[in-house]
Amino acid sequence: MKESTVPKLYFYAKKGLVNRKEAVEYAKENFKNATFHYLGKGKHLLTESHPKQMSAEFNQWFIQLNKQAIQNKK
């Protein structure tokens, strides 16, 4: 992930079972071209505890990527 230029969207939450604090800190330091979004308190599966918030953030992120791609083609 340190060398990858592929855009990444990383969701994390407080008390996350999969993405513990150490994993998030590592990702923030080492993932190139990543956007991080804190969801607040979470459960085991963030898609179950924050579906609307994750969908909205993904949509905004994806729209921004498309805008950047269009700008880069000009």
PDB file of N, CA and C in Angstrom:
ATOM      1  N   MET A   1       0.809  -1.197   0.000  1.00  0.00           N
ATOM      2  CA  MET A   1       0.000   0.000   0.000  1.00  0.00           C
ATOM      3  C   MET A   1       0.859   1.271   0.000  1.00  0.00           C
ATOM      4  N   LYS A   2       2.099   1.133   0.392  1.00  0.00           N
ATOM      5  CA  LYS A   2       2.971   2.312   0.425  1.00  0.00           C
ATOM      6  C   LYS A   2       3.240   2.864  -0.966  1.00  0.00           C
ATOM      7  N   GLU A   3       3.261   1.997  -1.961  1.00  0.00           N
ATOM      8  CA  GLU A   3       3.595   2.414  -3.320  1.00  0.00           C
ATOM      9  C   GLU A   3       2.374   2.556  -4.220  1.00  0.00           C
ATOM     10  N   SER A   4       1.255   2.028  -3.816  1.00  0.00           N
ATOM     11  CA  SER A   4       0.061   2.012  -4.659  1.00  0.00           C
ATOM     12  C   SER A   4      -0.504   3.412  -4.855  1.00  0.00           C
ATOM     13  N   THR A   5      -0.787   3.739  -6.106  1.00  0.00           N
ATOM     14  CA  THR A   5      -1.407   5.029  -6.404  1.00  0.00           C
ATOM     15  C   THR A   5      -2.923   4.902  -6.551  1.00  0.00           C
ATOM     16  N   VAL A   6      -3.435   3.697  -6.380  1.00  0.00           N
ATOM     17  CA  VAL A   6      -4.879   3.467  -6.474  1.00  0.00           C
ATOM     18  C   VAL A   6      -5.566   4.181  -5.310  1.00  0.00           C
ATOM     19  N   PRO A   7      -6.577   4.991  -5.581  1.00  0.00           N
ATOM     20  CA  PRO A   7      -7.290   5.685  -4.502  1.00  0.00           C
ATOM     21  C   PRO A   7      -7.968   4.690  -3.562  1.00  0.00           C
ATOM     22  N   LYS A   8      -7.921   5.007  -2.273  1.00  0.00           N
ATOM     23  CA  LYS A   8      -8.507   4.139  -1.259  1.00  0.00           C
ATOM     24  C   LYS A   8      -9.370   4.968  -0.313  1.00  0.00           C
ATOM     25  N   LEU A   9     -10.481   4.399   0.100  1.00  0.00           N
ATOM     26  CA  LEU A   9     -11.347   5.022   1.092  1.00  0.00           C
ATOM     27  C   LEU A   9     -11.384   4.093   2.290  1.00  0.00           C
ATOM     28  N   TYR A  10     -10.959   4.588   3.430  1.00  0.00           N
ATOM     29  CA  TYR A  10     -10.792   3.768   4.632  1.00  0.00           C
ATOM     30  C   TYR A  10     -11.764   4.258   5.697  1.00  0.00           C
ATOM     31  N   PHE A  11     -12.719   3.419   6.035  1.00  0.00           N
ATOM     32  CA  PHE A  11     -13.667   3.730   7.105  1.00  0.00           C
ATOM     33  C   PHE A  11     -13.179   3.099   8.402  1.00  0.00           C
ATOM     34  N   TYR A  12     -13.340   3.824   9.494  1.00  0.00           N
ATOM     35  CA  TYR A  12     -13.002   3.252  10.795  1.00  0.00           C
ATOM     36  C   TYR A  12     -13.917   3.842  11.854  1.00  0.00           C
ATOM     37  N   ALA A  13     -13.978   3.145  12.996  1.00  0.00           N
ATOM     38  CA  ALA A  13     -14.870   3.564  14.071  1.00  0.00           C
ATOM     39  C   ALA A  13     -14.223   3.286  15.422  1.00  0.00           C
ATOM     40  N   LYS A  14     -14.757   3.922  16.434  1.00  0.00           N
ATOM     41  CA  LYS A  14     -14.295   3.683  17.797  1.00  0.00           C
ATOM     42  C   LYS A  14     -14.762   2.297  18.224  1.00  0.00           C
ATOM     43  N   LYS A  15     -13.882   1.579  18.845  1.00  0.00           N
ATOM     44  CA  LYS A  15     -14.139   0.210  19.282  1.00  0.00           C
ATOM     45  C   LYS A  15     -14.304  -0.730  18.094  1.00  0.00           C
ATOM     46  N   GLY A  16     -13.688  -0.397  16.994  1.00  0.00           N
ATOM     47  CA  GLY A  16     -13.785  -1.265  15.824  1.00  0.00           C
ATOM     48  C   GLY A  16     -13.096  -2.595  16.075  1.00  0.00           C
ATOM     49  N   LEU A  17     -13.762  -3.668  15.744  1.00  0.00           N
ATOM     50  CA  LEU A  17     -13.196  -4.991  15.962  1.00  0.00           C
ATOM     51  C   LEU A  17     -12.135  -5.315  14.915  1.00  0.00           C
ATOM     52  N   VAL A  18     -12.407  -4.975  13.677  1.00  0.00           N
ATOM     53  CA  VAL A  18     -11.471  -5.284  12.597  1.00  0.00           C
ATOM     54  C   VAL A  18     -10.373  -4.229  12.508  1.00  0.00           C
ATOM     55  N   ASN A  19     -10.746  -2.973  12.566  1.00  0.00           N
ATOM     56  CA  ASN A  19      -9.789  -1.874  12.424  1.00  0.00           C
ATOM     57  C   ASN A  19      -9.478  -1.254  13.780  1.00  0.00           C
ATOM     58  N   ARG A  20      -8.628  -1.899  14.500  1.00  0.00           N
ATOM     59  CA  ARG A  20      -8.229  -1.379  15.810  1.00  0.00           C
ATOM     60  C   ARG A  20      -7.384  -0.115  15.637  1.00  0.00           C
ATOM     61  N   LYS A  21      -7.233   0.618  16.726  1.00  0.00           N
ATOM     62  CA  LYS A  21      -6.518   1.897  16.709  1.00  0.00           C
ATOM     63  C   LYS A  21      -5.140   1.769  16.057  1.00  0.00           C
ATOM     64  N   GLU A  22      -4.415   0.721  16.396  1.00  0.00           N
ATOM     65  CA  GLU A  22      -3.071   0.532  15.849  1.00  0.00           C
ATOM     66  C   GLU A  22      -3.106   0.343  14.335  1.00  0.00           C
ATOM     67  N   ALA A  23      -4.116  -0.379  13.847  1.00  0.00           N
ATOM     68  CA  ALA A  23      -4.239  -0.614  12.406  1.00  0.00           C
ATOM     69  C   ALA A  23      -4.546   0.684  11.668  1.00  0.00           C
ATOM     70  N   VAL A  24      -5.403   1.505  12.256  1.00  0.00           N
ATOM     71  CA  VAL A  24      -5.752   2.786  11.639  1.00  0.00           C
ATOM     72  C   VAL A  24      -4.530   3.699  11.608  1.00  0.00           C
ATOM     73  N   GLU A  25      -3.798   3.761  12.708  1.00  0.00           N
ATOM     74  CA  GLU A  25      -2.592   4.592  12.753  1.00  0.00           C
ATOM     75  C   GLU A  25      -1.570   4.126  11.716  1.00  0.00           C
ATOM     76  N   TYR A  26      -1.402   2.816  11.597  1.00  0.00           N
ATOM     77  CA  TYR A  26      -0.479   2.277  10.598  1.00  0.00           C
ATOM     78  C   TYR A  26      -0.921   2.683   9.194  1.00  0.00           C
ATOM     79  N   ALA A  27      -2.203   2.521   8.931  1.00  0.00           N
ATOM     80  CA  ALA A  27      -2.731   2.862   7.605  1.00  0.00           C
ATOM     81  C   ALA A  27      -2.526   4.341   7.302  1.00  0.00           C
ATOM     82  N   LYS A  28      -2.798   5.199   8.271  1.00  0.00           N
ATOM     83  CA  LYS A  28      -2.628   6.638   8.046  1.00  0.00           C
ATOM     84  C   LYS A  28      -1.184   6.990   7.724  1.00  0.00           C
ATOM     85  N   GLU A  29      -0.255   6.274   8.315  1.00  0.00           N
ATOM     86  CA  GLU A  29       1.164   6.548   8.087  1.00  0.00           C
ATOM     87  C   GLU A  29       1.690   5.909   6.801  1.00  0.00           C
ATOM     88  N   ASN A  30       1.063   4.825   6.361  1.00  0.00           N
ATOM     89  CA  ASN A  30       1.657   4.030   5.291  1.00  0.00           C
ATOM     90  C   ASN A  30       0.846   3.890   4.013  1.00  0.00           C
ATOM     91  N   PHE A  31      -0.423   4.188   4.027  1.00  0.00           N
ATOM     92  CA  PHE A  31      -1.233   4.018   2.822  1.00  0.00           C
ATOM     93  C   PHE A  31      -1.149   5.278   1.972  1.00  0.00           C
ATOM     94  N   LYS A  32      -0.655   5.112   0.774  1.00  0.00           N
ATOM     95  CA  LYS A  32      -0.538   6.224  -0.160  1.00  0.00           C
ATOM     96  C   LYS A  32      -1.884   6.440  -0.845  1.00  0.00           C
ATOM     97  N   ASN A  33      -2.247   7.690  -1.057  1.00  0.00           N
ATOM     98  CA  ASN A  33      -3.462   8.056  -1.777  1.00  0.00           C
ATOM     99  C   ASN A  33      -4.719   7.507  -1.094  1.00  0.00           C
ATOM    100  N   ALA A  34      -4.794   7.673   0.210  1.00  0.00           N
ATOM    101  CA  ALA A  34      -5.937   7.168   0.973  1.00  0.00           C
ATOM    102  C   ALA A  34      -6.696   8.312   1.632  1.00  0.00           C
ATOM    103  N   THR A  35      -8.000   8.150   1.682  1.00  0.00           N
ATOM    104  CA  THR A  35      -8.884   9.070   2.382  1.00  0.00           C
ATOM    105  C   THR A  35      -9.458   8.313   3.570  1.00  0.00           C
ATOM    106  N   PHE A  36      -9.403   8.916   4.745  1.00  0.00           N
ATOM    107  CA  PHE A  36      -9.873   8.256   5.959  1.00  0.00           C
ATOM    108  C   PHE A  36     -11.136   8.941   6.456  1.00  0.00           C
ATOM    109  N   HIS A  37     -12.095   8.120   6.873  1.00  0.00           N
ATOM    110  CA  HIS A  37     -13.358   8.670   7.361  1.00  0.00           C
ATOM    111  C   HIS A  37     -13.738   7.983   8.669  1.00  0.00           C
ATOM    112  N   TYR A  38     -13.821   8.788   9.724  1.00  0.00           N
ATOM    113  CA  TYR A  38     -14.208   8.290  11.046  1.00  0.00           C
ATOM    114  C   TYR A  38     -15.726   8.275  11.151  1.00  0.00           C
ATOM    115  N   LEU A  39     -16.293   7.156  11.567  1.00  0.00           N
ATOM    116  CA  LEU A  39     -17.741   6.982  11.625  1.00  0.00           C
ATOM    117  C   LEU A  39     -18.335   7.164  13.019  1.00  0.00           C
ATOM    118  N   GLY A  40     -17.511   7.316  14.029  1.00  0.00           N
ATOM    119  CA  GLY A  40     -18.030   7.385  15.402  1.00  0.00           C
ATOM    120  C   GLY A  40     -17.968   6.000  16.028  1.00  0.00           C
ATOM    121  N   LYS A  41     -18.901   5.699  16.903  1.00  0.00           N
ATOM    122  CA  LYS A  41     -18.925   4.379  17.530  1.00  0.00           C
ATOM    123  C   LYS A  41     -19.374   3.341  16.512  1.00  0.00           C
ATOM    124  N   GLY A  42     -18.721   2.203  16.553  1.00  0.00           N
ATOM    125  CA  GLY A  42     -19.054   1.159  15.599  1.00  0.00           C
ATOM    126  C   GLY A  42     -19.203  -0.195  16.252  1.00  0.00           C
ATOM    127  N   LYS A  43     -19.724  -1.112  15.469  1.00  0.00           N
ATOM    128  CA  LYS A  43     -19.860  -2.499  15.899  1.00  0.00           C
ATOM    129  C   LYS A  43     -18.948  -3.344  15.031  1.00  0.00           C
ATOM    130  N   HIS A  44     -19.184  -4.631  15.029  1.00  0.00           N
ATOM    131  CA  HIS A  44     -18.326  -5.549  14.274  1.00  0.00           C
ATOM    132  C   HIS A  44     -18.311  -5.210  12.784  1.00  0.00           C
ATOM    133  N   LEU A  45     -19.478  -5.055  12.189  1.00  0.00           N
ATOM    134  CA  LEU A  45     -19.564  -4.722  10.768  1.00  0.00           C
ATOM    135  C   LEU A  45     -20.053  -3.289  10.612  1.00  0.00           C
ATOM    136  N   LEU A  46     -19.184  -2.428  10.154  1.00  0.00           N
ATOM    137  CA  LEU A  46     -19.531  -1.011  10.041  1.00  0.00           C
ATOM    138  C   LEU A  46     -20.637  -0.770   9.033  1.00  0.00           C
ATOM    139  N   THR A  47     -20.743  -1.624   8.028  1.00  0.00           N
ATOM    140  CA  THR A  47     -21.816  -1.461   7.045  1.00  0.00           C
ATOM    141  C   THR A  47     -23.189  -1.684   7.665  1.00  0.00           C
ATOM    142  N   GLU A  48     -23.243  -2.411   8.770  1.00  0.00           N
ATOM    143  CA  GLU A  48     -24.520  -2.621   9.458  1.00  0.00           C
ATOM    144  C   GLU A  48     -24.833  -1.487  10.424  1.00  0.00           C
ATOM    145  N   SER A  49     -23.825  -0.947  11.061  1.00  0.00           N
ATOM    146  CA  SER A  49     -24.075   0.109  12.051  1.00  0.00           C
ATOM    147  C   SER A  49     -24.102   1.508  11.439  1.00  0.00           C
ATOM    148  N   HIS A  50     -23.533   1.690  10.248  1.00  0.00           N
ATOM    149  CA  HIS A  50     -23.475   3.016   9.614  1.00  0.00           C
ATOM    150  C   HIS A  50     -23.740   2.958   8.106  1.00  0.00           C
ATOM    151  N   PRO A  51     -24.779   2.284   7.654  1.00  0.00           N
ATOM    152  CA  PRO A  51     -24.963   2.129   6.204  1.00  0.00           C
ATOM    153  C   PRO A  51     -25.185   3.442   5.455  1.00  0.00           C
ATOM    154  N   LYS A  52     -26.000   4.317   5.993  1.00  0.00           N
ATOM    155  CA  LYS A  52     -26.291   5.578   5.292  1.00  0.00           C
ATOM    156  C   LYS A  52     -25.078   6.493   5.268  1.00  0.00           C
ATOM    157  N   GLN A  53     -24.385   6.581   6.393  1.00  0.00           N
ATOM    158  CA  GLN A  53     -23.202   7.436   6.476  1.00  0.00           C
ATOM    159  C   GLN A  53     -22.111   6.936   5.525  1.00  0.00           C
ATOM    160  N   MET A  54     -21.923   5.623   5.477  1.00  0.00           N
ATOM    161  CA  MET A  54     -20.902   5.067   4.592  1.00  0.00           C
ATOM    162  C   MET A  54     -21.272   5.271   3.126  1.00  0.00           C
ATOM    163  N   SER A  55     -22.539   5.087   2.802  1.00  0.00           N
ATOM    164  CA  SER A  55     -22.991   5.293   1.417  1.00  0.00           C
ATOM    165  C   SER A  55     -22.799   6.737   0.986  1.00  0.00           C
ATOM    166  N   ALA A  56     -23.178   7.652   1.846  1.00  0.00           N
ATOM    167  CA  ALA A  56     -23.044   9.075   1.520  1.00  0.00           C
ATOM    168  C   ALA A  56     -21.577   9.456   1.339  1.00  0.00           C
ATOM    169  N   GLU A  57     -20.723   8.995   2.237  1.00  0.00           N
ATOM    170  CA  GLU A  57     -19.298   9.317   2.136  1.00  0.00           C
ATOM    171  C   GLU A  57     -18.682   8.688   0.890  1.00  0.00           C
ATOM    172  N   PHE A  58     -19.062   7.452   0.598  1.00  0.00           N
ATOM    173  CA  PHE A  58     -18.546   6.802  -0.610  1.00  0.00           C
ATOM    174  C   PHE A  58     -18.960   7.583  -1.852  1.00  0.00           C
ATOM    175  N   ASN A  59     -20.216   7.981  -1.912  1.00  0.00           N
ATOM    176  CA  ASN A  59     -20.697   8.733  -3.075  1.00  0.00           C
ATOM    177  C   ASN A  59     -19.924  10.033  -3.256  1.00  0.00           C
ATOM    178  N   GLN A  60     -19.691  10.774  -2.177  1.00  0.00           N
ATOM    179  CA  GLN A  60     -18.928  12.024  -2.260  1.00  0.00           C
ATOM    180  C   GLN A  60     -17.495  11.752  -2.719  1.00  0.00           C
ATOM    181  N   TRP A  61     -16.897  10.719  -2.167  1.00  0.00           N
ATOM    182  CA  TRP A  61     -15.522  10.352  -2.514  1.00  0.00           C
ATOM    183  C   TRP A  61     -15.429   9.983  -3.993  1.00  0.00           C
ATOM    184  N   PHE A  62     -16.381   9.191  -4.469  1.00  0.00           N
ATOM    185  CA  PHE A  62     -16.375   8.742  -5.859  1.00  0.00           C
ATOM    186  C   PHE A  62     -16.599   9.905  -6.823  1.00  0.00           C
ATOM    187  N   ILE A  63     -17.493  10.798  -6.485  1.00  0.00           N
ATOM    188  CA  ILE A  63     -17.728  11.986  -7.315  1.00  0.00           C
ATOM    189  C   ILE A  63     -16.451  12.821  -7.410  1.00  0.00           C
ATOM    190  N   GLN A  64     -15.769  12.989  -6.287  1.00  0.00           N
ATOM    191  CA  GLN A  64     -14.521  13.754  -6.275  1.00  0.00           C
ATOM    192  C   GLN A  64     -13.458  13.084  -7.145  1.00  0.00           C
ATOM    193  N   LEU A  65     -13.373  11.763  -7.089  1.00  0.00           N
ATOM    194  CA  LEU A  65     -12.414  11.046  -7.942  1.00  0.00           C
ATOM    195  C   LEU A  65     -12.705  11.287  -9.417  1.00  0.00           C
ATOM    196  N   ASN A  66     -13.972  11.251  -9.777  1.00  0.00           N
ATOM    197  CA  ASN A  66     -14.349  11.497 -11.171  1.00  0.00           C
ATOM    198  C   ASN A  66     -14.004  12.914 -11.599  1.00  0.00           C
ATOM    199  N   LYS A  67     -14.241  13.886 -10.735  1.00  0.00           N
ATOM    200  CA  LYS A  67     -13.886  15.271 -11.055  1.00  0.00           C
ATOM    201  C   LYS A  67     -12.385  15.406 -11.275  1.00  0.00           C
ATOM    202  N   GLN A  68     -11.600  14.764 -10.419  1.00  0.00           N
ATOM    203  CA  GLN A  68     -10.148  14.811 -10.568  1.00  0.00           C
ATOM    204  C   GLN A  68      -9.703  14.145 -11.862  1.00  0.00           C
ATOM    205  N   ALA A  69     -10.330  13.036 -12.212  1.00  0.00           N
ATOM    206  CA  ALA A  69      -9.980  12.331 -13.446  1.00  0.00           C
ATOM    207  C   ALA A  69     -10.277  13.193 -14.663  1.00  0.00           C
ATOM    208  N   ILE A  70     -11.395  13.886 -14.639  1.00  0.00           N
ATOM    209  CA  ILE A  70     -11.756  14.775 -15.748  1.00  0.00           C
ATOM    210  C   ILE A  70     -10.757  15.920 -15.853  1.00  0.00           C
ATOM    211  N   GLN A  71     -10.382  16.501 -14.709  1.00  0.00           N
ATOM    212  CA  GLN A  71      -9.397  17.592 -14.706  1.00  0.00           C
ATOM    213  C   GLN A  71      -8.053  17.120 -15.253  1.00  0.00           C
ATOM    214  N   ASN A  72      -7.660  15.908 -14.900  1.00  0.00           N
ATOM    215  CA  ASN A  72      -6.365  15.379 -15.352  1.00  0.00           C
ATOM    216  C   ASN A  72      -6.338  15.110 -16.847  1.00  0.00           C
ATOM    217  N   LYS A  73      -7.492  14.895 -17.455  1.00  0.00           N
ATOM    218  CA  LYS A  73      -7.556  14.644 -18.901  1.00  0.00           C
ATOM    219  C   LYS A  73      -7.451  15.927 -19.708  1.00  0.00           C
ATOM    220  N   LYS A  74      -7.723  17.060 -19.084  1.00  0.00           N
ATOM    221  CA  LYS A  74      -7.689  18.346 -19.803  1.00  0.00           C
ATOM    222  C   LYS A  74      -6.276  18.801 -20.044  1.00  0.00           C
TER     223      LYS A  74
END
